[in-house]
N, C-alpha and C. Protein backbone atom coordinates (compact mmCIF):
# COMPACT_ATOMS: atom_id res chain seq x y z
N ARG A 1 46.89 -125.74 -14.59
CA ARG A 1 45.98 -125.65 -13.25
C ARG A 1 45.50 -127.17 -13.45
N ARG A 2 45.72 -127.88 -12.23
CA ARG A 2 44.57 -128.84 -11.72
C ARG A 2 43.47 -129.05 -11.92
N THR A 3 42.67 -129.85 -12.38
CA THR A 3 41.03 -129.85 -12.49
C THR A 3 40.89 -131.30 -12.50
N TRP A 4 39.35 -131.43 -11.87
CA TRP A 4 38.57 -132.87 -11.92
C TRP A 4 37.68 -133.13 -12.86
N LEU A 5 37.64 -131.82 -14.14
CA LEU A 5 37.12 -132.35 -14.97
C LEU A 5 37.32 -132.96 -16.17
N ARG A 6 36.89 -133.79 -17.04
CA ARG A 6 37.28 -134.45 -17.96
C ARG A 6 37.15 -134.22 -19.44
N GLY A 7 37.55 -133.87 -20.51
CA GLY A 7 37.44 -133.37 -21.92
C GLY A 7 37.69 -131.97 -22.24
N ARG A 8 38.10 -131.56 -22.90
CA ARG A 8 38.54 -130.21 -23.28
C ARG A 8 37.35 -129.33 -23.30
N ASP A 9 36.23 -129.87 -23.87
CA ASP A 9 35.03 -129.40 -24.07
C ASP A 9 34.49 -128.56 -22.39
N ASN A 10 34.83 -129.74 -21.56
CA ASN A 10 34.25 -129.13 -20.12
C ASN A 10 35.22 -128.18 -19.79
N ILE A 11 36.68 -128.45 -19.78
CA ILE A 11 37.49 -127.40 -19.09
C ILE A 11 37.07 -126.09 -19.82
N HIS A 12 36.88 -125.90 -20.91
CA HIS A 12 36.67 -125.07 -21.93
C HIS A 12 35.68 -124.01 -21.38
N LYS A 13 34.38 -125.12 -21.19
CA LYS A 13 33.12 -124.20 -20.21
C LYS A 13 33.56 -123.71 -18.73
N ARG A 14 34.85 -124.40 -18.13
CA ARG A 14 34.75 -123.73 -16.89
C ARG A 14 35.73 -122.34 -17.01
N TYR A 15 36.64 -122.43 -17.82
CA TYR A 15 37.29 -121.18 -18.45
C TYR A 15 36.50 -119.75 -18.70
N LEU A 16 35.47 -120.43 -19.63
CA LEU A 16 34.65 -119.20 -19.89
C LEU A 16 33.89 -118.79 -18.73
N ILE A 17 33.38 -119.66 -17.44
CA ILE A 17 32.49 -119.22 -16.89
C ILE A 17 33.05 -118.12 -16.12
N HIS A 18 34.83 -118.68 -15.74
CA HIS A 18 35.89 -117.55 -14.92
C HIS A 18 36.24 -116.32 -15.59
N VAL A 19 35.95 -116.22 -16.66
CA VAL A 19 36.01 -115.26 -17.58
C VAL A 19 34.92 -113.91 -17.72
N ALA A 20 34.02 -114.93 -17.78
CA ALA A 20 32.64 -114.11 -17.81
C ALA A 20 32.27 -113.10 -16.48
N GLY A 21 32.96 -114.14 -14.95
CA GLY A 21 32.59 -113.63 -13.93
C GLY A 21 33.73 -112.52 -13.79
N TYR A 22 35.10 -112.55 -14.13
CA TYR A 22 35.85 -111.36 -14.09
C TYR A 22 35.48 -110.21 -14.97
N ASN A 23 34.78 -110.49 -16.23
CA ASN A 23 34.69 -109.29 -16.75
C ASN A 23 33.17 -108.80 -16.25
N LEU A 24 32.51 -109.36 -15.34
CA LEU A 24 31.09 -108.91 -14.93
C LEU A 24 31.72 -107.96 -13.66
N GLY A 25 32.65 -108.59 -13.03
CA GLY A 25 33.35 -107.43 -11.96
C GLY A 25 33.93 -106.35 -12.70
N LEU A 26 34.70 -106.01 -13.60
CA LEU A 26 34.84 -104.97 -14.29
C LEU A 26 34.06 -104.16 -14.83
N ILE A 27 32.92 -104.90 -14.72
CA ILE A 27 31.63 -103.84 -15.43
C ILE A 27 31.08 -103.28 -14.01
N MET A 28 30.92 -104.12 -13.52
CA MET A 28 30.38 -103.71 -11.92
C MET A 28 31.07 -102.44 -11.53
N ARG A 29 32.63 -102.72 -11.43
CA ARG A 29 33.35 -101.76 -11.13
C ARG A 29 33.28 -100.33 -11.63
N LEU A 30 33.53 -100.36 -13.15
CA LEU A 30 33.32 -99.21 -13.83
C LEU A 30 31.83 -98.42 -13.98
N LEU A 31 30.98 -99.22 -13.47
CA LEU A 31 29.53 -98.48 -13.44
C LEU A 31 28.83 -98.21 -12.06
N THR A 32 29.67 -98.95 -10.91
CA THR A 32 29.19 -98.38 -9.66
C THR A 32 30.94 -98.24 -8.28
N GLY A 33 31.80 -98.71 -8.98
CA GLY A 33 32.77 -98.13 -8.14
C GLY A 33 32.95 -99.45 -7.30
N ALA A 34 32.15 -100.35 -6.95
CA ALA A 34 32.12 -102.01 -6.46
C ALA A 34 32.48 -103.36 -7.29
N GLY A 35 33.53 -104.01 -7.31
CA GLY A 35 33.58 -105.14 -8.16
C GLY A 35 32.88 -106.15 -7.76
N THR A 36 31.97 -106.22 -6.64
CA THR A 36 31.26 -107.54 -5.99
C THR A 36 29.94 -106.73 -5.41
N PRO A 37 29.09 -107.59 -5.24
CA PRO A 37 27.75 -107.03 -4.61
C PRO A 37 28.04 -107.17 -3.47
N ARG A 38 28.88 -107.63 -2.40
CA ARG A 38 29.18 -107.22 -1.10
C ARG A 38 29.78 -105.95 -0.97
N ALA A 39 30.91 -105.66 -1.72
CA ALA A 39 31.66 -104.36 -1.79
C ALA A 39 30.57 -102.87 -2.03
N PHE A 40 29.89 -103.46 -3.14
CA PHE A 40 29.05 -102.32 -3.30
C PHE A 40 27.98 -102.12 -1.77
N GLN A 41 27.38 -102.94 -1.44
CA GLN A 41 26.94 -102.90 -0.34
C GLN A 41 27.60 -102.21 1.16
N ASP A 42 28.85 -102.67 1.27
CA ASP A 42 29.69 -102.25 2.03
C ASP A 42 30.21 -100.76 2.02
N ARG A 43 30.01 -100.01 0.74
CA ARG A 43 30.37 -98.72 0.42
C ARG A 43 29.36 -97.80 0.76
N LEU A 44 28.08 -98.23 0.76
CA LEU A 44 27.02 -97.30 1.16
C LEU A 44 26.64 -97.28 2.71
N SER A 45 26.88 -96.46 3.47
CA SER A 45 25.84 -96.33 4.68
C SER A 45 25.26 -94.86 4.94
N ALA A 46 24.35 -95.26 6.00
CA ALA A 46 23.56 -93.92 6.28
C ALA A 46 23.25 -94.19 7.83
N CYS A 47 22.93 -92.58 8.13
CA CYS A 47 22.61 -92.74 9.68
C CYS A 47 21.71 -91.54 9.93
N LEU A 48 20.43 -92.11 10.51
CA LEU A 48 19.62 -90.88 11.03
C LEU A 48 19.64 -90.73 12.53
N ALA A 49 19.68 -89.49 12.77
CA ALA A 49 19.52 -89.12 14.37
C ALA A 49 18.46 -88.58 14.92
N ALA A 50 17.83 -88.36 15.27
CA ALA A 50 17.06 -87.28 16.29
C ALA A 50 16.84 -86.87 17.62
N VAL A 51 17.15 -85.68 18.11
CA VAL A 51 16.88 -85.10 19.32
C VAL A 51 16.09 -84.02 19.49
N ILE A 52 15.75 -83.82 20.59
CA ILE A 52 14.80 -82.97 21.23
C ILE A 52 15.74 -81.72 21.85
N LEU A 53 15.59 -80.64 21.16
CA LEU A 53 16.26 -79.29 21.53
C LEU A 53 16.20 -78.68 23.22
N PRO A 54 16.81 -78.44 23.61
CA PRO A 54 16.23 -77.49 24.85
C PRO A 54 15.16 -76.49 24.93
N ASN A 55 14.78 -76.10 23.69
CA ASN A 55 13.64 -75.34 23.34
C ASN A 55 12.41 -76.18 22.75
N GLY A 56 12.75 -77.25 23.22
CA GLY A 56 11.55 -77.90 22.73
C GLY A 56 11.30 -78.64 21.41
N SER A 57 12.02 -77.92 20.42
CA SER A 57 12.05 -78.29 18.94
C SER A 57 13.03 -79.19 18.51
N PRO A 58 12.48 -80.34 17.83
CA PRO A 58 13.07 -81.41 16.99
C PRO A 58 14.09 -81.06 16.46
N MET A 59 15.22 -81.88 16.32
CA MET A 59 16.30 -81.62 15.36
C MET A 59 16.87 -83.25 14.65
N MET A 60 16.66 -83.18 13.54
CA MET A 60 17.22 -84.63 12.59
C MET A 60 18.53 -84.23 12.36
N LEU A 61 19.18 -85.18 11.77
CA LEU A 61 20.42 -85.35 11.43
C LEU A 61 21.04 -86.58 10.47
N LEU A 62 21.03 -86.42 9.31
CA LEU A 62 21.23 -87.52 8.29
C LEU A 62 22.66 -87.33 7.75
N ILE A 63 23.39 -88.31 7.88
CA ILE A 63 24.58 -88.20 7.23
C ILE A 63 24.63 -89.89 6.28
N VAL A 64 25.14 -89.74 4.93
CA VAL A 64 25.20 -90.77 4.20
C VAL A 64 26.90 -90.85 3.89
N VAL A 65 27.24 -92.17 4.03
CA VAL A 65 28.90 -92.09 3.41
C VAL A 65 28.94 -93.06 2.33
N ALA A 66 29.45 -92.46 1.65
CA ALA A 66 29.62 -93.01 -0.01
C ALA A 66 30.99 -93.08 -0.35
N GLY A 67 31.97 -94.23 0.09
CA GLY A 67 33.18 -94.42 -0.69
C GLY A 67 34.05 -93.14 0.08
N ASP A 68 34.36 -92.41 -0.69
CA ASP A 68 35.18 -91.25 -0.03
C ASP A 68 34.37 -89.74 0.32
N GLN A 69 33.31 -89.92 -0.07
CA GLN A 69 32.75 -88.67 0.07
C GLN A 69 31.54 -88.54 1.44
N THR A 70 31.14 -87.77 2.17
CA THR A 70 30.37 -87.99 3.22
C THR A 70 29.42 -86.58 3.39
N PRO A 71 28.35 -86.43 2.59
CA PRO A 71 27.14 -85.40 2.91
C PRO A 71 26.87 -85.54 3.81
N ALA A 72 26.17 -84.34 4.68
CA ALA A 72 25.16 -84.24 6.13
C ALA A 72 23.84 -83.13 5.74
N ILE A 73 23.17 -83.75 6.07
CA ILE A 73 22.09 -82.66 6.16
C ILE A 73 21.46 -82.64 7.81
N ALA A 74 21.27 -81.23 8.18
CA ALA A 74 20.70 -81.12 9.60
C ALA A 74 19.38 -80.19 9.44
N ILE A 75 18.44 -80.98 9.99
CA ILE A 75 16.88 -80.03 10.10
C ILE A 75 16.63 -79.56 11.13
N SER A 76 16.00 -78.80 11.42
CA SER A 76 15.46 -78.34 12.77
C SER A 76 14.34 -77.79 12.66
N LEU A 77 13.12 -78.13 13.27
CA LEU A 77 11.83 -77.40 13.44
C LEU A 77 11.65 -76.79 14.72
N GLU A 78 11.50 -75.26 14.33
CA GLU A 78 11.48 -74.43 15.39
C GLU A 78 10.26 -73.90 15.76
N PRO A 79 9.47 -73.87 16.80
CA PRO A 79 8.01 -73.39 16.64
C PRO A 79 7.97 -71.96 16.23
N ASP A 80 6.74 -71.68 15.91
CA ASP A 80 6.61 -69.91 15.30
C ASP A 80 6.63 -69.31 16.64
N PRO A 81 7.61 -68.12 16.51
CA PRO A 81 7.44 -67.41 17.42
C PRO A 81 6.60 -66.32 17.94
N LEU A 82 5.79 -66.39 16.47
CA LEU A 82 4.35 -65.35 16.47
C LEU A 82 3.22 -66.05 17.62
N ASP A 83 2.98 -67.46 17.68
CA ASP A 83 2.15 -68.01 18.11
C ASP A 83 2.21 -68.01 19.96
């Protein structure tokens, strides 16, 4: 590979930095499932929606997408029928 660095020591330092970055990517992939910070950021997303139902009670929906898993939770608050 062509390099602009002169001297064996400087070229060795350059390759050490490359190897360290590669190893860091492997460790991140092992711990989080993503090899780069941007990939980790893109893997996780969430959506929150709130609506008012026809009976006047609010309903909230939370959807979280992480990789190939998509859990969701829906919460509906209805007025007390005894009031």
